[in-house]
């Protein structure tokens, strides 16, 4: 099967990770094309041991391209994803633009792979929010076993979730504090170095931020519409990797040992839970990894059938690029793209 794959937004953090993962996983593509904005046309990006020169999105013809991995932001996706899809190319979009569209499936392969067939309505598949992805991967097998009623999650999200300039600001501020440079705040509402900011994305009338809203509505769409979700999303001074403190209330009893047994066998999950110093996975330890890591599982005695746990994952990988490539692989495995159509 000769598949052509385009990565739109190839010069960004997630776009570069998409190229890395396509190479690492030996994705069955006969050609991989790097696409970016007009100002990045001709810019070189790495793809394994090859160097790709970026094509301009404005002039590139997607006819004959089977899959487009779109990571160029919501505004670009809103304009270009339908145009690309109309040329017969399946778009897997990493922005929030299409996630709540009724005609667009929102897919995490380990959780709701059966929903992927819905892409045929618009030829677009949505990649969920990074924090949502890692949480539902860990919670799906528990939900199947005991049915989750309510989730309360607090996130610890790295600066890479806001892009390269945000990561650079963390570095510049951190260095500047040690050498007494003037503190410049450009990508955040407050100082990010040595600080935690309980504010990601815009505020809504409810008092939630859009990031918190995304976790709520996306979890319902992917996992179960009846689950109640409360989220507090916090930006922390790390470069890559998101952490989550998650409290779960089940309909039926679920012990901590039962949860550990289930998660030890769960697809896409690594259980690291020893009740001793260092017997858990911290954020820096998940960077560069494909799995979702779960630790600190314990009973919550304040509610009936309650558990607490700690979940970490590389937000640029499983939280974005890897999940998109896994969706693309599902399309291939199910014969939904390429010569078999």
C-alpha atoms as a PDB file:
ATOM      1  CA  UNK A   1       0.000   0.000   0.000  1.00  0.00           C
ATOM      2  CA  UNK A   2       1.529   3.305  -1.134  1.00  0.00           C
ATOM      3  CA  UNK A   3       0.369   5.947   1.297  1.00  0.00           C
ATOM      4  CA  UNK A   4       1.148   9.646   1.099  1.00  0.00           C
ATOM      5  CA  UNK A   5       1.073  11.525   4.406  1.00  0.00           C
ATOM      6  CA  UNK A   6       1.290  15.293   4.891  1.00  0.00           C
ATOM      7  CA  UNK A   7       2.174  16.960   8.201  1.00  0.00           C
ATOM      8  CA  UNK A   8       0.773  20.501   8.322  1.00  0.00           C
ATOM      9  CA  UNK A   9       2.494  22.682  10.910  1.00  0.00           C
ATOM     10  CA  UNK A  10       5.680  20.685  10.476  1.00  0.00           C
ATOM     11  CA  UNK A  11       7.922  23.363  12.019  1.00  0.00           C
ATOM     12  CA  UNK A  12       6.053  23.495  15.351  1.00  0.00           C
ATOM     13  CA  UNK A  13       6.652  21.437  18.494  1.00  0.00           C
ATOM     14  CA  UNK A  14       3.878  18.941  17.765  1.00  0.00           C
ATOM     15  CA  UNK A  15       4.531  18.846  14.020  1.00  0.00           C
ATOM     16  CA  UNK A  16       8.155  17.898  14.615  1.00  0.00           C
ATOM     17  CA  UNK A  17       7.051  15.199  17.055  1.00  0.00           C
ATOM     18  CA  UNK A  18       4.640  13.857  14.448  1.00  0.00           C
ATOM     19  CA  UNK A  19       7.523  13.484  12.010  1.00  0.00           C
ATOM     20  CA  UNK A  20       9.669  11.815  14.686  1.00  0.00           C
ATOM     21  CA  UNK A  21       6.930   9.336  15.589  1.00  0.00           C
ATOM     22  CA  UNK A  22       6.047   8.511  11.981  1.00  0.00           C
ATOM     23  CA  UNK A  23       9.690   7.512  11.595  1.00  0.00           C
ATOM     24  CA  UNK A  24       9.983   5.700  14.941  1.00  0.00           C
ATOM     25  CA  UNK A  25       6.866   3.621  14.366  1.00  0.00           C
ATOM     26  CA  UNK A  26       7.814   2.876  10.749  1.00  0.00           C
ATOM     27  CA  UNK A  27       4.479   4.166   9.547  1.00  0.00           C
ATOM     28  CA  UNK A  28       3.723   2.601   6.129  1.00  0.00           C
ATOM     29  CA  UNK A  29       4.041   5.760   4.061  1.00  0.00           C
ATOM     30  CA  UNK A  30       5.642   5.869   0.643  1.00  0.00           C
ATOM     31  CA  UNK A  31       6.023   9.635   1.008  1.00  0.00           C
ATOM     32  CA  UNK A  32       5.891  12.061   3.923  1.00  0.00           C
ATOM     33  CA  UNK A  33       5.459  15.740   3.066  1.00  0.00           C
ATOM     34  CA  UNK A  34       6.225  18.627   5.427  1.00  0.00           C
ATOM     35  CA  UNK A  35       3.801  21.531   5.028  1.00  0.00           C
ATOM     36  CA  UNK A  36       3.866  24.863   6.836  1.00  0.00           C
ATOM     37  CA  UNK A  37       2.927  28.512   6.405  1.00  0.00           C
ATOM     38  CA  UNK A  38       4.199  30.569   3.485  1.00  0.00           C
ATOM     39  CA  UNK A  39       6.884  32.179   5.672  1.00  0.00           C
ATOM     40  CA  UNK A  40       8.292  28.712   6.488  1.00  0.00           C
ATOM     41  CA  UNK A  41       8.352  27.510   2.867  1.00  0.00           C
ATOM     42  CA  UNK A  42      11.716  25.888   2.155  1.00  0.00           C
ATOM     43  CA  UNK A  43      12.588  25.555   5.820  1.00  0.00           C
ATOM     44  CA  UNK A  44      14.192  22.205   6.592  1.00  0.00           C
ATOM     45  CA  UNK A  45      12.861  19.706   9.147  1.00  0.00           C
ATOM     46  CA  UNK A  46      14.151  16.278  10.128  1.00  0.00           C
ATOM     47  CA  UNK A  47      12.390  13.029   9.290  1.00  0.00           C
ATOM     48  CA  UNK A  48      14.520  10.146  10.553  1.00  0.00           C
ATOM     49  CA  UNK A  49      17.794  10.352   8.661  1.00  0.00           C
ATOM     50  CA  UNK A  50      16.205  12.493   5.959  1.00  0.00           C
ATOM     51  CA  UNK A  51      15.736  16.239   5.642  1.00  0.00           C
ATOM     52  CA  UNK A  52      12.408  17.519   4.316  1.00  0.00           C
ATOM     53  CA  UNK A  53      11.879  20.980   2.853  1.00  0.00           C
ATOM     54  CA  UNK A  54       8.564  22.531   3.841  1.00  0.00           C
ATOM     55  CA  UNK A  55       5.930  23.162   1.213  1.00  0.00           C
ATOM     56  CA  UNK A  56       3.607  26.152   1.516  1.00  0.00           C
ATOM     57  CA  UNK A  57       0.083  25.347   2.688  1.00  0.00           C
ATOM     58  CA  UNK A  58      -1.296  28.113   0.470  1.00  0.00           C
ATOM     59  CA  UNK A  59      -0.123  26.462  -2.743  1.00  0.00           C
ATOM     60  CA  UNK A  60       0.220  22.748  -1.932  1.00  0.00           C
ATOM     61  CA  UNK A  61      -2.112  20.367  -3.802  1.00  0.00           C
ATOM     62  CA  UNK A  62      -3.455  17.642  -1.479  1.00  0.00           C
ATOM     63  CA  UNK A  63      -4.868  15.591  -4.347  1.00  0.00           C
ATOM     64  CA  UNK A  64      -3.479  12.058  -3.958  1.00  0.00           C
ATOM     65  CA  UNK A  65      -2.494  12.603  -0.322  1.00  0.00           C
ATOM     66  CA  UNK A  66      -4.171   9.966   1.873  1.00  0.00           C
ATOM     67  CA  UNK A  67      -3.738  11.401   5.385  1.00  0.00           C
ATOM     68  CA  UNK A  68      -3.088  14.910   6.651  1.00  0.00           C
ATOM     69  CA  UNK A  69      -1.837  15.318  10.213  1.00  0.00           C
ATOM     70  CA  UNK A  70      -2.928  18.874  11.007  1.00  0.00           C
ATOM     71  CA  UNK A  71      -1.135  20.770  13.766  1.00  0.00           C
ATOM     72  CA  UNK A  72      -1.248  24.384  12.683  1.00  0.00           C
ATOM     73  CA  UNK A  73      -3.719  25.833  15.184  1.00  0.00           C
ATOM     74  CA  UNK A  74      -7.464  26.304  15.277  1.00  0.00           C
ATOM     75  CA  UNK A  75      -7.756  29.238  12.887  1.00  0.00           C
ATOM     76  CA  UNK A  76      -5.785  27.456  10.170  1.00  0.00           C
ATOM     77  CA  UNK A  77      -7.653  24.210  10.709  1.00  0.00           C
ATOM     78  CA  UNK A  78     -11.059  25.884  10.494  1.00  0.00           C
ATOM     79  CA  UNK A  79     -10.157  27.305   7.089  1.00  0.00           C
ATOM     80  CA  UNK A  80      -8.081  24.501   5.625  1.00  0.00           C
ATOM     81  CA  UNK A  81      -9.296  21.176   7.041  1.00  0.00           C
ATOM     82  CA  UNK A  82     -12.557  21.189   5.010  1.00  0.00           C
ATOM     83  CA  UNK A  83     -10.652  22.191   1.862  1.00  0.00           C
ATOM     84  CA  UNK A  84      -8.122  19.387   2.341  1.00  0.00           C
ATOM     85  CA  UNK A  85     -10.851  16.875   3.216  1.00  0.00           C
ATOM     86  CA  UNK A  86     -12.755  17.825   0.055  1.00  0.00           C
ATOM     87  CA  UNK A  87      -9.741  16.651  -1.970  1.00  0.00           C
ATOM     88  CA  UNK A  88     -10.185  13.119  -0.585  1.00  0.00           C
ATOM     89  CA  UNK A  89      -7.535  13.385   2.131  1.00  0.00           C
ATOM     90  CA  UNK A  90      -8.473  12.329   5.682  1.00  0.00           C
ATOM     91  CA  UNK A  91      -7.576  15.116   8.114  1.00  0.00           C
ATOM     92  CA  UNK A  92      -6.526  14.247  11.678  1.00  0.00           C
ATOM     93  CA  UNK A  93      -6.674  17.586  13.439  1.00  0.00           C
ATOM     94  CA  UNK A  94      -4.860  18.428  16.672  1.00  0.00           C
ATOM     95  CA  UNK A  95      -6.675  21.702  17.403  1.00  0.00           C
ATOM     96  CA  UNK A  96      -9.912  22.124  19.370  1.00  0.00           C
ATOM     97  CA  UNK A  97     -11.821  23.324  16.287  1.00  0.00           C
ATOM     98  CA  UNK A  98     -13.625  20.102  15.370  1.00  0.00           C
ATOM     99  CA  UNK A  99     -13.688  18.216  18.674  1.00  0.00           C
ATOM    100  CA  UNK A 100     -17.293  18.924  19.602  1.00  0.00           C
ATOM    101  CA  UNK A 101     -18.659  18.745  16.045  1.00  0.00           C
ATOM    102  CA  UNK A 102     -21.323  16.021  16.002  1.00  0.00           C
ATOM    103  CA  UNK A 103     -20.129  14.825  12.594  1.00  0.00           C
ATOM    104  CA  UNK A 104     -16.469  14.526  13.616  1.00  0.00           C
ATOM    105  CA  UNK A 105     -15.266  11.614  15.774  1.00  0.00           C
ATOM    106  CA  UNK A 106     -13.040  12.469  18.752  1.00  0.00           C
ATOM    107  CA  UNK A 107     -10.686   9.523  19.037  1.00  0.00           C
ATOM    108  CA  UNK A 108      -8.325   7.977  21.566  1.00  0.00           C
ATOM    109  CA  UNK A 109      -7.462   4.558  20.055  1.00  0.00           C
ATOM    110  CA  UNK A 110      -7.245   2.717  23.393  1.00  0.00           C
ATOM    111  CA  UNK A 111     -10.627   4.111  24.467  1.00  0.00           C
ATOM    112  CA  UNK A 112     -13.153   4.515  21.623  1.00  0.00           C
ATOM    113  CA  UNK A 113     -11.665   3.051  18.454  1.00  0.00           C
ATOM    114  CA  UNK A 114     -15.112   1.977  17.258  1.00  0.00           C
ATOM    115  CA  UNK A 115     -16.128   5.598  16.721  1.00  0.00           C
ATOM    116  CA  UNK A 116     -13.549   6.148  13.986  1.00  0.00           C
ATOM    117  CA  UNK A 117     -15.919   5.108  11.188  1.00  0.00           C
ATOM    118  CA  UNK A 118     -17.745   8.397  11.727  1.00  0.00           C
ATOM    119  CA  UNK A 119     -14.977  10.295   9.913  1.00  0.00           C
ATOM    120  CA  UNK A 120     -16.672   9.601   6.576  1.00  0.00           C
ATOM    121  CA  UNK A 121     -19.223  12.362   7.188  1.00  0.00           C
ATOM    122  CA  UNK A 122     -16.646  15.157   6.877  1.00  0.00           C
ATOM    123  CA  UNK A 123     -13.364  13.313   6.252  1.00  0.00           C
ATOM    124  CA  UNK A 124     -12.066  14.839   9.510  1.00  0.00           C
ATOM    125  CA  UNK A 125     -11.030  13.181  12.779  1.00  0.00           C
ATOM    126  CA  UNK A 126     -10.352  15.236  15.906  1.00  0.00           C
ATOM    127  CA  UNK A 127      -7.436  14.622  18.255  1.00  0.00           C
ATOM    128  CA  UNK A 128      -8.490  15.399  21.864  1.00  0.00           C
ATOM    129  CA  UNK A 129      -6.914  17.795  24.333  1.00  0.00           C
ATOM    130  CA  UNK A 130      -3.612  16.544  25.749  1.00  0.00           C
ATOM    131  CA  UNK A 131      -4.848  16.394  29.338  1.00  0.00           C
ATOM    132  CA  UNK A 132      -8.048  14.624  28.342  1.00  0.00           C
ATOM    133  CA  UNK A 133      -6.159  11.948  26.408  1.00  0.00           C
ATOM    134  CA  UNK A 134      -3.940  10.786  29.247  1.00  0.00           C
ATOM    135  CA  UNK A 135      -6.805  10.790  31.733  1.00  0.00           C
ATOM    136  CA  UNK A 136      -9.258   8.749  29.648  1.00  0.00           C
ATOM    137  CA  UNK A 137      -6.597   6.184  28.707  1.00  0.00           C
ATOM    138  CA  UNK A 138      -6.137   5.455  32.414  1.00  0.00           C
ATOM    139  CA  UNK A 139      -9.831   5.646  33.342  1.00  0.00           C
ATOM    140  CA  UNK A 140     -11.433   3.655  30.494  1.00  0.00           C
ATOM    141  CA  UNK A 141     -10.579   0.171  31.872  1.00  0.00           C
ATOM    142  CA  UNK A 142     -11.732   1.226  35.346  1.00  0.00           C
ATOM    143  CA  UNK A 143     -14.972   2.615  33.923  1.00  0.00           C
ATOM    144  CA  UNK A 144     -15.599  -0.687  32.147  1.00  0.00           C
ATOM    145  CA  UNK A 145     -15.171  -2.539  35.449  1.00  0.00           C
ATOM    146  CA  UNK A 146     -17.101  -0.392  37.908  1.00  0.00           C
ATOM    147  CA  UNK A 147     -18.680   2.553  36.021  1.00  0.00           C
ATOM    148  CA  UNK A 148     -17.421   5.997  36.939  1.00  0.00           C
ATOM    149  CA  UNK A 149     -19.979   8.517  38.240  1.00  0.00           C
ATOM    150  CA  UNK A 150     -17.781  11.540  38.920  1.00  0.00           C
ATOM    151  CA  UNK A 151     -14.248  12.776  38.245  1.00  0.00           C
ATOM    152  CA  UNK A 152     -12.426  15.653  39.949  1.00  0.00           C
ATOM    153  CA  UNK A 153      -9.106  16.428  38.263  1.00  0.00           C
ATOM    154  CA  UNK A 154      -6.381  18.987  38.916  1.00  0.00           C
ATOM    155  CA  UNK A 155      -3.728  19.273  36.213  1.00  0.00           C
ATOM    156  CA  UNK A 156      -0.061  20.273  36.331  1.00  0.00           C
ATOM    157  CA  UNK A 157       0.585  21.232  32.712  1.00  0.00           C
ATOM    158  CA  UNK A 158       3.981  22.015  31.212  1.00  0.00           C
ATOM    159  CA  UNK A 159       4.798  25.113  29.195  1.00  0.00           C
ATOM    160  CA  UNK A 160       5.201  23.099  25.971  1.00  0.00           C
ATOM    161  CA  UNK A 161       1.406  22.875  25.892  1.00  0.00           C
ATOM    162  CA  UNK A 162       1.448  26.547  24.915  1.00  0.00           C
ATOM    163  CA  UNK A 163       4.208  26.194  22.334  1.00  0.00           C
ATOM    164  CA  UNK A 164       7.911  26.860  21.833  1.00  0.00           C
ATOM    165  CA  UNK A 165       7.743  30.558  22.730  1.00  0.00           C
ATOM    166  CA  UNK A 166       6.215  29.664  26.100  1.00  0.00           C
ATOM    167  CA  UNK A 167       9.006  27.167  26.767  1.00  0.00           C
ATOM    168  CA  UNK A 168      11.540  29.829  25.826  1.00  0.00           C
ATOM    169  CA  UNK A 169       9.911  32.262  28.258  1.00  0.00           C
ATOM    170  CA  UNK A 170      10.260  29.763  31.114  1.00  0.00           C
ATOM    171  CA  UNK A 171      13.946  29.357  30.288  1.00  0.00           C
ATOM    172  CA  UNK A 172      14.567  33.103  29.918  1.00  0.00           C
ATOM    173  CA  UNK A 173      12.750  34.005  33.157  1.00  0.00           C
ATOM    174  CA  UNK A 174      14.477  31.243  35.126  1.00  0.00           C
ATOM    175  CA  UNK A 175      17.901  32.324  33.947  1.00  0.00           C
ATOM    176  CA  UNK A 176      17.023  35.999  34.396  1.00  0.00           C
ATOM    177  CA  UNK A 177      16.066  35.563  38.045  1.00  0.00           C
ATOM    178  CA  UNK A 178      19.529  34.189  38.813  1.00  0.00           C
ATOM    179  CA  UNK A 179      21.377  37.003  37.010  1.00  0.00           C
ATOM    180  CA  UNK A 180      18.970  39.817  38.004  1.00  0.00           C
ATOM    181  CA  UNK A 181      17.698  40.504  34.479  1.00  0.00           C
ATOM    182  CA  UNK A 182      14.447  42.375  33.979  1.00  0.00           C
ATOM    183  CA  UNK A 183      11.507  39.957  34.163  1.00  0.00           C
ATOM    184  CA  UNK A 184       9.499  39.953  30.917  1.00  0.00           C
ATOM    185  CA  UNK A 185       6.025  38.416  30.775  1.00  0.00           C
ATOM    186  CA  UNK A 186       4.794  37.838  27.217  1.00  0.00           C
ATOM    187  CA  UNK A 187       3.179  34.404  26.861  1.00  0.00           C
ATOM    188  CA  UNK A 188       1.536  34.060  30.281  1.00  0.00           C
ATOM    189  CA  UNK A 189      -0.595  36.278  32.499  1.00  0.00           C
ATOM    190  CA  UNK A 190       1.931  36.081  35.326  1.00  0.00           C
ATOM    191  CA  UNK A 191       5.532  35.028  35.922  1.00  0.00           C
ATOM    192  CA  UNK A 192       5.898  31.315  35.065  1.00  0.00           C
ATOM    193  CA  UNK A 193       9.395  30.703  36.465  1.00  0.00           C
ATOM    194  CA  UNK A 194       9.179  29.293  40.016  1.00  0.00           C
ATOM    195  CA  UNK A 195       5.413  29.762  39.912  1.00  0.00           C
ATOM    196  CA  UNK A 196       2.131  27.959  39.183  1.00  0.00           C
ATOM    197  CA  UNK A 197      -0.622  29.714  37.216  1.00  0.00           C
ATOM    198  CA  UNK A 198      -4.231  28.446  37.630  1.00  0.00           C
ATOM    199  CA  UNK A 199      -5.223  29.771  34.232  1.00  0.00           C
ATOM    200  CA  UNK A 200      -4.983  28.006  30.845  1.00  0.00           C
ATOM    201  CA  UNK A 201      -6.877  29.426  27.846  1.00  0.00           C
ATOM    202  CA  UNK A 202      -9.640  32.032  28.114  1.00  0.00           C
ATOM    203  CA  UNK A 203     -12.111  32.446  30.962  1.00  0.00           C
ATOM    204  CA  UNK A 204     -15.759  31.567  30.388  1.00  0.00           C
ATOM    205  CA  UNK A 205     -18.888  33.032  32.015  1.00  0.00           C
ATOM    206  CA  UNK A 206     -19.079  29.986  34.324  1.00  0.00           C
ATOM    207  CA  UNK A 207     -15.685  30.817  35.841  1.00  0.00           C
ATOM    208  CA  UNK A 208     -14.096  27.784  34.173  1.00  0.00           C
ATOM    209  CA  UNK A 209     -11.347  28.322  31.649  1.00  0.00           C
ATOM    210  CA  UNK A 210     -11.718  26.861  28.160  1.00  0.00           C
ATOM    211  CA  UNK A 211      -9.048  24.272  29.019  1.00  0.00           C
ATOM    212  CA  UNK A 212     -11.167  23.081  31.939  1.00  0.00           C
ATOM    213  CA  UNK A 213     -14.283  23.092  29.771  1.00  0.00           C
ATOM    214  CA  UNK A 214     -12.466  21.018  27.135  1.00  0.00           C
ATOM    215  CA  UNK A 215     -11.599  18.337  29.692  1.00  0.00           C
ATOM    216  CA  UNK A 216     -15.224  18.198  30.823  1.00  0.00           C
ATOM    217  CA  UNK A 217     -16.978  17.993  27.448  1.00  0.00           C
ATOM    218  CA  UNK A 218     -14.327  15.860  25.732  1.00  0.00           C
ATOM    219  CA  UNK A 219     -14.339  13.260  28.512  1.00  0.00           C
ATOM    220  CA  UNK A 220     -18.101  13.001  28.146  1.00  0.00           C
ATOM    221  CA  UNK A 221     -17.911  12.610  24.353  1.00  0.00           C
ATOM    222  CA  UNK A 222     -15.123  10.027  24.459  1.00  0.00           C
ATOM    223  CA  UNK A 223     -15.926   8.028  27.586  1.00  0.00           C
ATOM    224  CA  UNK A 224     -19.518   8.472  28.769  1.00  0.00           C
ATOM    225  CA  UNK A 225     -21.969  11.379  28.531  1.00  0.00           C
ATOM    226  CA  UNK A 226     -23.275  10.626  32.035  1.00  0.00           C
ATOM    227  CA  UNK A 227     -19.968  11.153  33.850  1.00  0.00           C
ATOM    228  CA  UNK A 228     -19.759  14.327  35.911  1.00  0.00           C
ATOM    229  CA  UNK A 229     -16.394  16.078  35.583  1.00  0.00           C
ATOM    230  CA  UNK A 230     -14.834  18.957  37.517  1.00  0.00           C
ATOM    231  CA  UNK A 231     -11.441  20.243  36.365  1.00  0.00           C
ATOM    232  CA  UNK A 232      -8.877  22.782  37.536  1.00  0.00           C
ATOM    233  CA  UNK A 233      -6.063  23.300  35.028  1.00  0.00           C
ATOM    234  CA  UNK A 234      -2.751  24.773  36.165  1.00  0.00           C
ATOM    235  CA  UNK A 235       0.350  25.769  34.189  1.00  0.00           C
ATOM    236  CA  UNK A 236       3.547  24.805  36.014  1.00  0.00           C
ATOM    237  CA  UNK A 237       7.228  25.655  35.374  1.00  0.00           C
ATOM    238  CA  UNK A 238       8.220  22.464  33.549  1.00  0.00           C
ATOM    239  CA  UNK A 239       9.153  22.096  29.875  1.00  0.00           C
ATOM    240  CA  UNK A 240       7.470  18.835  28.788  1.00  0.00           C
ATOM    241  CA  UNK A 241       5.043  16.410  30.426  1.00  0.00           C
ATOM    242  CA  UNK A 242       1.691  16.848  32.140  1.00  0.00           C
ATOM    243  CA  UNK A 243       0.703  15.550  35.571  1.00  0.00           C
ATOM    244  CA  UNK A 244      -2.809  15.027  36.905  1.00  0.00           C
ATOM    245  CA  UNK A 245      -4.212  14.402  40.360  1.00  0.00           C
ATOM    246  CA  UNK A 246      -7.469  12.532  39.755  1.00  0.00           C
ATOM    247  CA  UNK A 247     -10.259  11.689  42.195  1.00  0.00           C
ATOM    248  CA  UNK A 248     -12.808   9.144  40.967  1.00  0.00           C
ATOM    249  CA  UNK A 249     -16.199   8.129  42.356  1.00  0.00           C
ATOM    250  CA  UNK A 250     -17.567   4.803  41.085  1.00  0.00           C
ATOM    251  CA  UNK A 251     -21.125   3.460  41.034  1.00  0.00           C
ATOM    252  CA  UNK A 252     -19.967   0.142  42.515  1.00  0.00           C
ATOM    253  CA  UNK A 253     -17.071  -0.678  44.863  1.00  0.00           C
ATOM    254  CA  UNK A 254     -13.536  -0.642  43.444  1.00  0.00           C
ATOM    255  CA  UNK A 255     -10.617  -1.337  45.765  1.00  0.00           C
ATOM    256  CA  UNK A 256      -7.146   0.060  45.219  1.00  0.00           C
ATOM    257  CA  UNK A 257      -5.767  -3.438  44.615  1.00  0.00           C
ATOM    258  CA  UNK A 258      -8.486  -4.168  42.046  1.00  0.00           C
ATOM    259  CA  UNK A 259      -7.669  -0.939  40.239  1.00  0.00           C
ATOM    260  CA  UNK A 260      -3.967  -1.830  40.236  1.00  0.00           C
ATOM    261  CA  UNK A 261      -4.702  -5.281  38.805  1.00  0.00           C
ATOM    262  CA  UNK A 262      -6.841  -3.780  36.030  1.00  0.00           C
ATOM    263  CA  UNK A 263      -4.357  -1.035  35.128  1.00  0.00           C
ATOM    264  CA  UNK A 264      -1.407  -3.436  35.131  1.00  0.00           C
ATOM    265  CA  UNK A 265      -3.034  -5.119  32.108  1.00  0.00           C
ATOM    266  CA  UNK A 266      -4.472  -2.017  30.430  1.00  0.00           C
ATOM    267  CA  UNK A 267      -3.457  -1.043  26.906  1.00  0.00           C
ATOM    268  CA  UNK A 268      -1.275   2.063  26.767  1.00  0.00           C
ATOM    269  CA  UNK A 269      -0.832   2.208  30.556  1.00  0.00           C
ATOM    270  CA  UNK A 270       2.243   1.605  32.704  1.00  0.00           C
ATOM    271  CA  UNK A 271       1.504   1.065  36.384  1.00  0.00           C
ATOM    272  CA  UNK A 272       4.278   2.240  38.693  1.00  0.00           C
ATOM    273  CA  UNK A 273       2.901   2.168  42.214  1.00  0.00           C
ATOM    274  CA  UNK A 274       5.110   1.125  45.123  1.00  0.00           C
ATOM    275  CA  UNK A 275       4.355   2.717  48.461  1.00  0.00           C
ATOM    276  CA  UNK A 276       7.913   3.780  49.144  1.00  0.00           C
ATOM    277  CA  UNK A 277      10.281   6.624  48.374  1.00  0.00           C
ATOM    278  CA  UNK A 278      10.450   7.029  44.592  1.00  0.00           C
ATOM    279  CA  UNK A 279       7.864   4.317  43.970  1.00  0.00           C
ATOM    280  CA  UNK A 280       5.888   6.458  41.508  1.00  0.00           C
ATOM    281  CA  UNK A 281       6.441   8.132  38.143  1.00  0.00           C
ATOM    282  CA  UNK A 282       7.252  11.844  38.090  1.00  0.00           C
ATOM    283  CA  UNK A 283       6.719  14.101  35.103  1.00  0.00           C
ATOM    284  CA  UNK A 284      10.330  14.181  33.879  1.00  0.00           C
ATOM    285  CA  UNK A 285      10.403  10.378  33.805  1.00  0.00           C
ATOM    286  CA  UNK A 286       7.597  10.184  31.250  1.00  0.00           C
ATOM    287  CA  UNK A 287       9.225  12.545  28.738  1.00  0.00           C
ATOM    288  CA  UNK A 288       9.980  10.768  25.462  1.00  0.00           C
ATOM    289  CA  UNK A 289       7.759   7.816  26.371  1.00  0.00           C
ATOM    290  CA  UNK A 290       4.612   6.651  24.581  1.00  0.00           C
ATOM    291  CA  UNK A 291       2.653   5.348  27.573  1.00  0.00           C
ATOM    292  CA  UNK A 292       0.411   6.885  30.205  1.00  0.00           C
ATOM    293  CA  UNK A 293       1.909   6.273  33.667  1.00  0.00           C
ATOM    294  CA  UNK A 294      -0.287   5.745  36.727  1.00  0.00           C
ATOM    295  CA  UNK A 295       0.838   5.902  40.369  1.00  0.00           C
ATOM    296  CA  UNK A 296      -0.366   6.712  43.920  1.00  0.00           C
ATOM    297  CA  UNK A 297      -3.600   4.669  43.687  1.00  0.00           C
ATOM    298  CA  UNK A 298      -5.397   4.739  47.015  1.00  0.00           C
ATOM    299  CA  UNK A 299      -8.848   4.728  48.566  1.00  0.00           C
ATOM    300  CA  UNK A 300     -10.674   8.001  49.127  1.00  0.00           C
ATOM    301  CA  UNK A 301     -12.573   7.448  52.344  1.00  0.00           C
ATOM    302  CA  UNK A 302     -14.483  10.745  52.077  1.00  0.00           C
ATOM    303  CA  UNK A 303     -16.867   9.412  49.405  1.00  0.00           C
ATOM    304  CA  UNK A 304     -18.491   6.054  48.757  1.00  0.00           C
ATOM    305  CA  UNK A 305     -16.546   3.998  46.200  1.00  0.00           C
ATOM    306  CA  UNK A 306     -13.803   6.605  45.796  1.00  0.00           C
ATOM    307  CA  UNK A 307     -10.217   6.319  44.551  1.00  0.00           C
ATOM    308  CA  UNK A 308      -7.362   8.800  44.084  1.00  0.00           C
ATOM    309  CA  UNK A 309      -4.516   8.445  41.603  1.00  0.00           C
ATOM    310  CA  UNK A 310      -1.670  10.289  39.893  1.00  0.00           C
ATOM    311  CA  UNK A 311      -1.366  10.219  36.078  1.00  0.00           C
ATOM    312  CA  UNK A 312       1.520  11.528  33.953  1.00  0.00           C
ATOM    313  CA  UNK A 313       2.289  11.503  30.243  1.00  0.00           C
ATOM    314  CA  UNK A 314       4.392  13.265  27.617  1.00  0.00           C
ATOM    315  CA  UNK A 315       1.954  15.883  26.318  1.00  0.00           C
ATOM    316  CA  UNK A 316       3.774  16.305  23.008  1.00  0.00           C
ATOM    317  CA  UNK A 317       3.702  12.567  22.379  1.00  0.00           C
ATOM    318  CA  UNK A 318       0.673  10.697  23.716  1.00  0.00           C
ATOM    319  CA  UNK A 319      -1.041  14.016  24.387  1.00  0.00           C
ATOM    320  CA  UNK A 320      -0.776  15.078  20.748  1.00  0.00           C
ATOM    321  CA  UNK A 321       1.540  13.640  18.083  1.00  0.00           C
ATOM    322  CA  UNK A 322       1.507   9.971  19.053  1.00  0.00           C
ATOM    323  CA  UNK A 323      -2.270   9.836  19.433  1.00  0.00           C
ATOM    324  CA  UNK A 324      -2.655  11.387  15.964  1.00  0.00           C
ATOM    325  CA  UNK A 325      -0.280   8.842  14.394  1.00  0.00           C
ATOM    326  CA  UNK A 326      -2.074   6.004  16.214  1.00  0.00           C
ATOM    327  CA  UNK A 327      -5.339   7.236  14.688  1.00  0.00           C
ATOM    328  CA  UNK A 328      -3.668   7.223  11.271  1.00  0.00           C
ATOM    329  CA  UNK A 329      -2.469   3.665  11.875  1.00  0.00           C
ATOM    330  CA  UNK A 330      -6.040   2.647  12.740  1.00  0.00           C
ATOM    331  CA  UNK A 331      -7.206   4.012   9.393  1.00  0.00           C
ATOM    332  CA  UNK A 332      -4.587   1.858   7.687  1.00  0.00           C
ATOM    333  CA  UNK A 333      -5.296  -1.269   9.743  1.00  0.00           C
ATOM    334  CA  UNK A 334      -9.046  -1.004   9.085  1.00  0.00           C
ATOM    335  CA  UNK A 335      -8.506  -0.469   5.354  1.00  0.00           C
ATOM    336  CA  UNK A 336     -10.135   2.953   5.479  1.00  0.00           C
ATOM    337  CA  UNK A 337      -7.424   4.777   3.496  1.00  0.00           C
ATOM    338  CA  UNK A 338      -5.299   3.992   0.488  1.00  0.00           C
ATOM    339  CA  UNK A 339      -5.854   1.448  -2.229  1.00  0.00           C
ATOM    340  CA  UNK A 340      -8.367  -0.654  -0.286  1.00  0.00           C
ATOM    341  CA  UNK A 341     -11.066   2.018  -0.370  1.00  0.00           C
END
